[in-house]
Amino acid sequence: MRAMSRDLAIDLGTANTLVYAQGRGIVFNEPTVIALNTRTREVLAMGDEAWNMIGRTPSYIVAVRPIRQGAITDFEITERMLQVLLKRVGVGKLNRPRVLISVPSAITRIERRAVKQAARRAGASSCYLIEQPMAAAIGVGLPVAEPMGSMVVDIGGGTSEMAVISLGGVVSLRAIRCGGFDLDASIQTYVRRRHGVAIGERTAEAVKLAIGSAEVFEGEQDVEIRGREVATGVPRTVILKPSEVRDAIEDDVEQILTTATKCLGEAPPELAQDIIFQGVHLVGGGSLLRGIAGRLAESTAVPVNVVDAPLECVAIGAGQCLEYFDKHAKLFATDT
């Protein structure tokens, strides 16, 4: 009977939401965005469709991210999003699965209880939570239950989390509300201040993907962007150099590197030796920034491994917990 219910693991990220269905793997991977009619409170779209509406809707239709910097900004909208999400992956009145949700370690106990309540109201028979660094470590295949030190650095959209794990527990943890969206915001601020042009978050993200980097890279090229001139309000084209983007995001990059180094420094010497041997594992969308792995290796003096599926490993890890539920139940987070 349990197999028929298709229990679900949900990676409720600031940037993207992924759903892992028991026995099937990842069945949903779209942006954590919901489009809402503020007059009727009707949910118009979520995921890719809602993402395409950002900055392009009339005033009474808003495309919002219910999770910002790892914190839930609107519990009602989050619950509505979960309802739509569960319906899209096949949950109905006769099919109420167990749900395991991976959450940022930075969220509060009140938020944890609210996430569980929202999931149950959305159609789950029961809800469990697992912190994202632990899920990522399982997804990478690290020996989290062994008396051996493993370190994961997860650079997400709204938060960056660093954890040293051993014997099924987190020995050292650091989490900051700084991630990929902060890099985008820093690019927006720089373009506005330096060139007098306002650009949207989607344009800033495109710039980051095109020429963003943490250090000089081979084949650097300038990029042309369009925005609105602040002084006149008319459209204007700007040429951006990779060095400008690097300067724009340097403070954010340095904050992430410093936090990771502090997390490693707080680990017991024996576990630090294990990490020196097997390296730090870098996951999350931020791990795809050019040069970030090299900068992290330089900062920590430890080898850094960028995993094969950095965007999916949290969902995969949570999914593995579903497949072997009793074995991994002791790793789940509590809200008390």
Protein backbone atom coordinates (compact mmCIF):
# COMPACT_ATOMS: atom_id res chain seq x y z
CA MET A 1 0.00 0.00 0.00
CA ARG A 2 2.88 2.36 0.83
CA ALA A 3 4.46 1.79 -2.61
CA MET A 4 1.19 2.82 -4.30
CA SER A 5 1.21 6.15 -2.49
CA ARG A 6 4.43 7.28 -4.21
CA ASP A 7 5.95 9.05 -1.23
CA LEU A 8 7.63 12.31 -2.22
CA ALA A 9 10.82 14.17 -1.37
CA ILE A 10 10.75 17.92 -2.05
CA ASP A 11 13.77 20.20 -2.29
CA LEU A 12 12.10 23.50 -1.41
CA GLY A 13 14.86 25.82 -2.60
CA THR A 14 14.91 29.59 -2.90
CA ALA A 15 15.64 29.36 -6.63
CA ASN A 16 14.17 26.02 -7.72
CA THR A 17 11.84 23.37 -6.39
CA LEU A 18 12.54 19.71 -7.19
CA VAL A 19 10.33 16.72 -6.43
CA TYR A 20 11.59 13.15 -6.14
CA ALA A 21 8.92 10.44 -6.35
CA GLN A 22 9.69 7.16 -4.63
CA GLY A 23 10.72 4.56 -7.18
CA ARG A 24 10.68 7.06 -10.06
CA GLY A 25 13.34 9.66 -9.34
CA ILE A 26 13.04 13.40 -10.01
CA VAL A 27 9.66 14.18 -11.58
CA PHE A 28 9.56 17.98 -11.19
CA ASN A 29 12.28 20.64 -11.47
CA GLU A 30 11.11 24.23 -11.95
CA PRO A 31 11.67 27.70 -10.42
CA THR A 32 10.21 28.42 -6.98
CA VAL A 33 7.88 31.11 -8.30
CA ILE A 34 4.11 31.47 -8.10
CA ALA A 35 1.90 33.91 -10.05
CA LEU A 36 -1.04 35.25 -8.06
CA ASN A 37 -4.06 37.41 -8.88
CA THR A 38 -4.07 39.81 -5.91
CA ARG A 39 -7.75 40.71 -6.50
CA THR A 40 -9.10 37.17 -6.33
CA ARG A 41 -6.13 35.40 -4.61
CA GLU A 42 -6.28 32.88 -7.44
CA VAL A 43 -3.09 31.01 -8.30
CA LEU A 44 -2.52 31.55 -12.01
CA ALA A 45 0.72 29.67 -12.55
CA MET A 46 3.79 28.25 -10.86
CA GLY A 47 7.24 27.15 -11.90
CA ASP A 48 8.48 27.93 -15.41
CA GLU A 49 5.22 29.58 -16.46
CA ALA A 50 5.25 31.91 -13.46
CA TRP A 51 8.97 32.65 -13.92
CA ASN A 52 8.28 33.89 -17.44
CA MET A 53 5.78 36.38 -15.98
CA ILE A 54 8.30 38.16 -13.72
CA GLY A 55 8.39 41.85 -14.64
CA ARG A 56 5.79 41.39 -17.40
CA THR A 57 2.42 41.41 -15.62
CA PRO A 58 -0.25 44.03 -14.89
CA SER A 59 -0.18 45.48 -11.38
CA TYR A 60 -2.84 43.14 -9.96
CA ILE A 61 -0.92 40.02 -11.04
CA VAL A 62 2.26 39.37 -9.10
CA ALA A 63 4.90 36.73 -9.74
CA VAL A 64 6.60 36.18 -6.40
CA ARG A 65 9.16 33.93 -4.75
CA PRO A 66 7.62 32.74 -1.45
CA ILE A 67 11.09 31.87 -0.15
CA ARG A 68 13.73 34.59 0.09
CA GLN A 69 17.22 34.10 1.52
CA GLY A 70 16.22 30.71 2.89
CA ALA A 71 13.27 32.15 4.81
CA ILE A 72 9.57 31.74 4.02
CA THR A 73 8.23 35.24 3.42
CA ASP A 74 4.57 34.28 2.98
CA PHE A 75 3.21 31.09 4.54
CA GLU A 76 -0.15 31.33 2.79
CA ILE A 77 1.45 31.56 -0.66
CA THR A 78 3.85 28.73 0.22
CA GLU A 79 0.89 26.54 1.17
CA ARG A 80 -0.90 27.42 -2.08
CA MET A 81 2.25 26.62 -4.03
CA LEU A 82 2.58 23.23 -2.31
CA GLN A 83 -1.06 22.46 -3.12
CA VAL A 84 -0.50 23.17 -6.82
CA LEU A 85 2.81 21.31 -6.75
CA LEU A 86 1.41 18.14 -5.17
CA LYS A 87 -1.52 18.19 -7.58
CA ARG A 88 0.86 18.44 -10.55
CA VAL A 89 2.80 15.38 -9.43
CA GLY A 90 -0.35 13.30 -9.01
CA VAL A 91 -1.42 13.70 -5.38
CA GLY A 92 -5.20 13.50 -4.92
CA LYS A 93 -7.79 12.89 -2.22
CA LEU A 94 -7.28 9.13 -2.45
CA ASN A 95 -3.50 9.39 -2.56
CA ARG A 96 -1.98 11.14 0.45
CA PRO A 97 1.74 10.36 0.48
CA ARG A 98 4.35 10.87 3.15
CA VAL A 99 6.42 13.92 2.23
CA LEU A 100 10.04 14.63 3.13
CA ILE A 101 11.05 18.26 2.60
CA SER A 102 14.64 19.50 2.57
CA VAL A 103 14.91 22.92 4.18
CA PRO A 104 17.70 25.44 4.77
CA SER A 105 19.35 24.99 8.14
CA ALA A 106 18.87 28.75 8.70
CA ILE A 107 15.07 28.62 9.02
CA THR A 108 13.58 28.96 12.49
CA ARG A 109 11.68 26.35 14.50
CA ILE A 110 8.47 28.26 13.89
CA GLU A 111 9.12 28.11 10.14
CA ARG A 112 9.82 24.38 10.35
CA ARG A 113 6.48 23.75 12.04
CA ALA A 114 4.78 26.00 9.47
CA VAL A 115 6.32 24.03 6.57
CA LYS A 116 5.03 20.75 8.05
CA GLN A 117 1.57 22.22 8.58
CA ALA A 118 1.50 23.63 5.04
CA ALA A 119 2.47 20.26 3.56
CA ARG A 120 -0.25 18.42 5.49
CA ARG A 121 -2.87 20.98 4.45
CA ALA A 122 -1.68 20.63 0.86
CA GLY A 123 -2.38 16.89 0.83
CA ALA A 124 0.44 15.05 2.61
CA SER A 125 -0.48 12.35 5.12
CA SER A 126 2.60 13.24 7.16
CA CYS A 127 5.61 15.50 6.70
CA TYR A 128 9.26 15.18 7.73
CA LEU A 129 12.15 17.62 7.32
CA ILE A 130 15.83 17.16 6.50
CA GLU A 131 18.39 19.95 6.42
CA GLN A 132 19.82 20.66 3.00
CA PRO A 133 23.52 20.05 3.81
CA MET A 134 22.71 16.57 5.12
CA ALA A 135 20.54 15.77 2.09
CA ALA A 136 23.27 17.05 -0.23
CA ALA A 137 25.90 14.87 1.46
CA ILE A 138 23.68 11.80 1.04
CA GLY A 139 23.01 12.73 -2.59
CA VAL A 140 26.72 13.05 -3.27
CA GLY A 141 27.28 9.60 -1.78
CA LEU A 142 29.38 10.65 1.20
CA PRO A 143 29.67 8.22 4.15
CA VAL A 144 27.56 10.36 6.50
CA ALA A 145 26.93 7.48 8.96
CA GLU A 146 30.61 6.57 9.29
CA PRO A 147 33.06 7.98 11.87
CA MET A 148 34.67 9.99 9.11
CA GLY A 149 34.61 13.71 8.38
CA SER A 150 32.85 14.90 5.23
CA MET A 151 32.31 18.54 4.26
CA VAL A 152 29.67 19.98 1.97
CA VAL A 153 29.47 23.59 0.78
CA ASP A 154 26.02 24.29 -0.68
CA ILE A 155 25.76 27.64 -2.49
CA GLY A 156 22.06 28.07 -3.22
CA GLY A 157 19.94 30.89 -4.52
CA GLY A 158 19.24 32.55 -1.18
CA THR A 159 21.61 30.92 1.29
CA SER A 160 25.03 29.32 1.44
CA GLU A 161 25.41 26.48 3.91
CA MET A 162 28.58 24.72 4.98
CA ALA A 163 28.58 21.60 7.12
CA VAL A 164 31.08 19.08 8.42
CA ILE A 165 29.30 15.77 8.96
CA SER A 166 30.30 12.63 10.84
CA LEU A 167 28.44 9.67 12.39
CA GLY A 168 25.07 10.84 11.07
CA GLY A 169 25.30 14.28 12.65
CA VAL A 170 26.44 17.79 11.84
CA VAL A 171 29.65 18.54 13.74
CA SER A 172 30.26 22.03 12.37
CA LEU A 173 27.71 24.23 10.61
CA ARG A 174 27.74 27.71 9.15
CA ALA A 175 24.88 29.28 7.19
CA ILE A 176 24.64 32.77 5.71
CA ARG A 177 21.83 34.46 3.85
CA CYS A 178 23.94 35.03 0.76
CA GLY A 179 23.66 33.11 -2.51
CA GLY A 180 23.08 33.36 -6.22
CA PHE A 181 20.33 35.97 -5.96
CA ASP A 182 22.66 38.23 -3.98
CA LEU A 183 25.19 38.01 -6.82
CA ASP A 184 22.42 39.04 -9.23
CA ALA A 185 21.44 41.96 -6.98
CA SER A 186 25.05 43.10 -6.76
CA ILE A 187 25.27 43.13 -10.56
CA GLN A 188 22.06 45.20 -10.73
CA THR A 189 23.42 47.66 -8.19
CA TYR A 190 26.74 47.99 -10.01
CA VAL A 191 25.15 48.63 -13.41
CA ARG A 192 22.84 51.23 -11.91
CA ARG A 193 25.62 53.01 -10.01
CA ARG A 194 28.39 52.78 -12.62
CA HIS A 195 26.38 53.11 -15.85
CA GLY A 196 23.18 54.81 -14.66
CA VAL A 197 21.04 52.00 -16.10
CA ALA A 198 18.41 49.91 -14.34
CA ILE A 199 18.20 46.23 -15.29
CA GLY A 200 15.89 43.46 -14.05
CA GLU A 201 16.86 40.38 -12.05
CA ARG A 202 16.50 38.13 -15.08
CA THR A 203 18.97 40.28 -17.05
CA ALA A 204 21.38 40.30 -14.12
CA GLU A 205 21.22 36.51 -13.88
CA ALA A 206 21.87 36.22 -17.63
CA VAL A 207 24.95 38.43 -17.23
CA LYS A 208 26.20 36.25 -14.35
CA LEU A 209 25.78 33.09 -16.40
CA ALA A 210 27.38 34.62 -19.50
CA ILE A 211 30.49 36.31 -18.06
CA GLY A 212 30.32 36.03 -14.26
CA SER A 213 33.37 34.59 -12.52
CA ALA A 214 35.27 34.50 -9.24
CA GLU A 215 38.62 34.75 -11.00
CA VAL A 216 40.02 35.48 -14.45
CA PHE A 217 39.07 32.82 -17.01
CA GLU A 218 40.22 31.96 -20.52
CA GLY A 219 38.30 33.39 -23.46
CA GLU A 220 36.77 36.36 -21.63
CA GLN A 221 34.44 38.48 -23.77
CA ASP A 222 32.33 41.54 -23.15
CA VAL A 223 28.54 41.29 -23.17
CA GLU A 224 25.91 43.75 -24.39
CA ILE A 225 22.84 44.36 -22.24
CA ARG A 226 19.80 46.61 -22.49
CA GLY A 227 18.11 48.46 -19.66
CA ARG A 228 16.33 51.66 -18.72
CA GLU A 229 18.43 54.79 -18.21
CA VAL A 230 17.67 56.04 -14.70
CA ALA A 231 17.95 59.76 -15.53
CA THR A 232 15.74 59.81 -18.64
CA GLY A 233 13.70 56.60 -18.51
CA VAL A 234 14.61 55.73 -22.10
CA PRO A 235 16.08 52.36 -23.19
CA ARG A 236 19.87 52.22 -23.32
CA THR A 237 22.50 49.65 -24.28
CA VAL A 238 25.52 49.01 -22.06
CA ILE A 239 28.69 47.00 -22.67
CA LEU A 240 29.84 45.07 -19.60
CA LYS A 241 33.31 43.57 -19.14
CA PRO A 242 33.92 40.35 -17.17
CA SER A 243 36.25 42.29 -14.87
CA GLU A 244 33.38 44.65 -13.96
CA VAL A 245 31.10 41.75 -13.05
CA ARG A 246 33.91 40.18 -11.01
CA ASP A 247 34.33 43.40 -9.06
CA ALA A 248 30.55 43.68 -8.57
CA ILE A 249 30.21 40.27 -6.93
CA GLU A 250 33.56 40.10 -5.11
CA ASP A 251 32.18 41.04 -1.69
CA ASP A 252 29.55 38.29 -1.91
CA VAL A 253 32.09 35.71 -3.10
CA GLU A 254 34.51 36.67 -0.32
CA GLN A 255 31.73 36.35 2.28
CA ILE A 256 30.97 32.80 1.11
CA LEU A 257 34.65 31.78 1.07
CA THR A 258 35.30 33.26 4.53
CA THR A 259 32.32 31.43 6.01
CA ALA A 260 33.38 28.10 4.50
CA THR A 261 36.89 28.54 5.87
CA LYS A 262 35.52 29.28 9.36
CA CYS A 263 33.29 26.19 9.21
CA LEU A 264 36.26 23.98 8.38
CA GLY A 265 38.31 25.65 11.10
CA GLU A 266 35.70 24.73 13.72
CA ALA A 267 35.91 21.00 12.93
CA PRO A 268 37.93 18.73 15.25
CA PRO A 269 41.49 18.04 13.97
CA GLU A 270 40.77 14.36 13.27
CA LEU A 271 37.81 15.21 11.01
CA ALA A 272 39.79 17.99 9.33
CA GLN A 273 42.38 15.40 8.36
CA ASP A 274 39.67 13.31 6.69
CA ILE A 275 38.49 16.35 4.74
CA ILE A 276 42.04 17.16 3.62
CA PHE A 277 42.20 13.62 2.24
CA GLN A 278 38.84 13.49 0.42
CA GLY A 279 38.30 17.21 -0.20
CA VAL A 280 35.37 19.58 0.14
CA HIS A 281 32.29 18.82 -1.98
CA LEU A 282 30.78 21.89 -3.65
CA VAL A 283 27.08 21.74 -4.55
CA GLY A 284 24.23 24.08 -5.44
CA GLY A 285 23.72 26.44 -8.37
CA GLY A 286 26.44 28.77 -7.10
CA SER A 287 29.02 26.02 -7.61
CA LEU A 288 28.67 26.62 -11.36
CA LEU A 289 30.17 30.12 -11.09
CA ARG A 290 33.46 30.10 -12.97
CA GLY A 291 36.48 29.98 -10.70
CA ILE A 292 34.58 29.54 -7.43
CA ALA A 293 36.02 26.06 -6.83
CA GLY A 294 39.57 27.34 -7.33
CA ARG A 295 39.00 30.27 -4.98
CA LEU A 296 37.51 27.95 -2.34
CA ALA A 297 40.46 25.55 -2.61
CA GLU A 298 42.84 28.47 -2.19
CA SER A 299 40.92 29.84 0.80
CA THR A 300 40.63 26.53 2.69
CA ALA A 301 43.90 24.94 1.51
CA VAL A 302 41.86 21.79 0.82
CA PRO A 303 41.01 20.13 -2.53
CA VAL A 304 37.52 21.03 -3.79
CA ASN A 305 35.28 18.69 -5.79
CA VAL A 306 32.39 20.05 -7.87
CA VAL A 307 29.87 17.21 -7.94
CA ASP A 308 28.34 15.80 -11.14
CA ALA A 309 24.78 17.00 -10.46
CA PRO A 310 25.15 20.06 -8.19
CA LEU A 311 21.58 21.28 -8.77
CA GLU A 312 19.91 17.91 -8.13
CA CYS A 313 21.98 16.32 -5.36
CA VAL A 314 19.81 17.67 -2.50
CA ALA A 315 16.67 16.21 -4.08
CA ILE A 316 18.50 12.97 -4.86
CA GLY A 317 19.73 12.73 -1.26
CA ALA A 318 16.25 13.34 0.13
CA GLY A 319 14.95 10.74 -2.32
CA GLN A 320 17.48 8.21 -1.04
CA CYS A 321 16.11 8.84 2.46
CA LEU A 322 12.66 7.92 1.14
CA GLU A 323 13.90 4.74 -0.50
CA TYR A 324 15.55 3.67 2.79
CA PHE A 325 13.23 5.52 5.16
CA ASP A 326 13.84 3.59 8.39
CA LYS A 327 17.60 3.63 7.89
CA HIS A 328 17.78 7.39 7.48
CA ALA A 329 14.94 8.50 9.80
CA LYS A 330 17.40 9.43 12.54
CA LEU A 331 18.90 12.07 10.21
CA PHE A 332 15.65 14.04 9.93
CA ALA A 333 15.42 17.51 11.49
CA THR A 334 13.12 18.25 14.39
CA ASP A 335 11.05 21.37 15.02
CA THR A 336 11.27 21.33 18.78
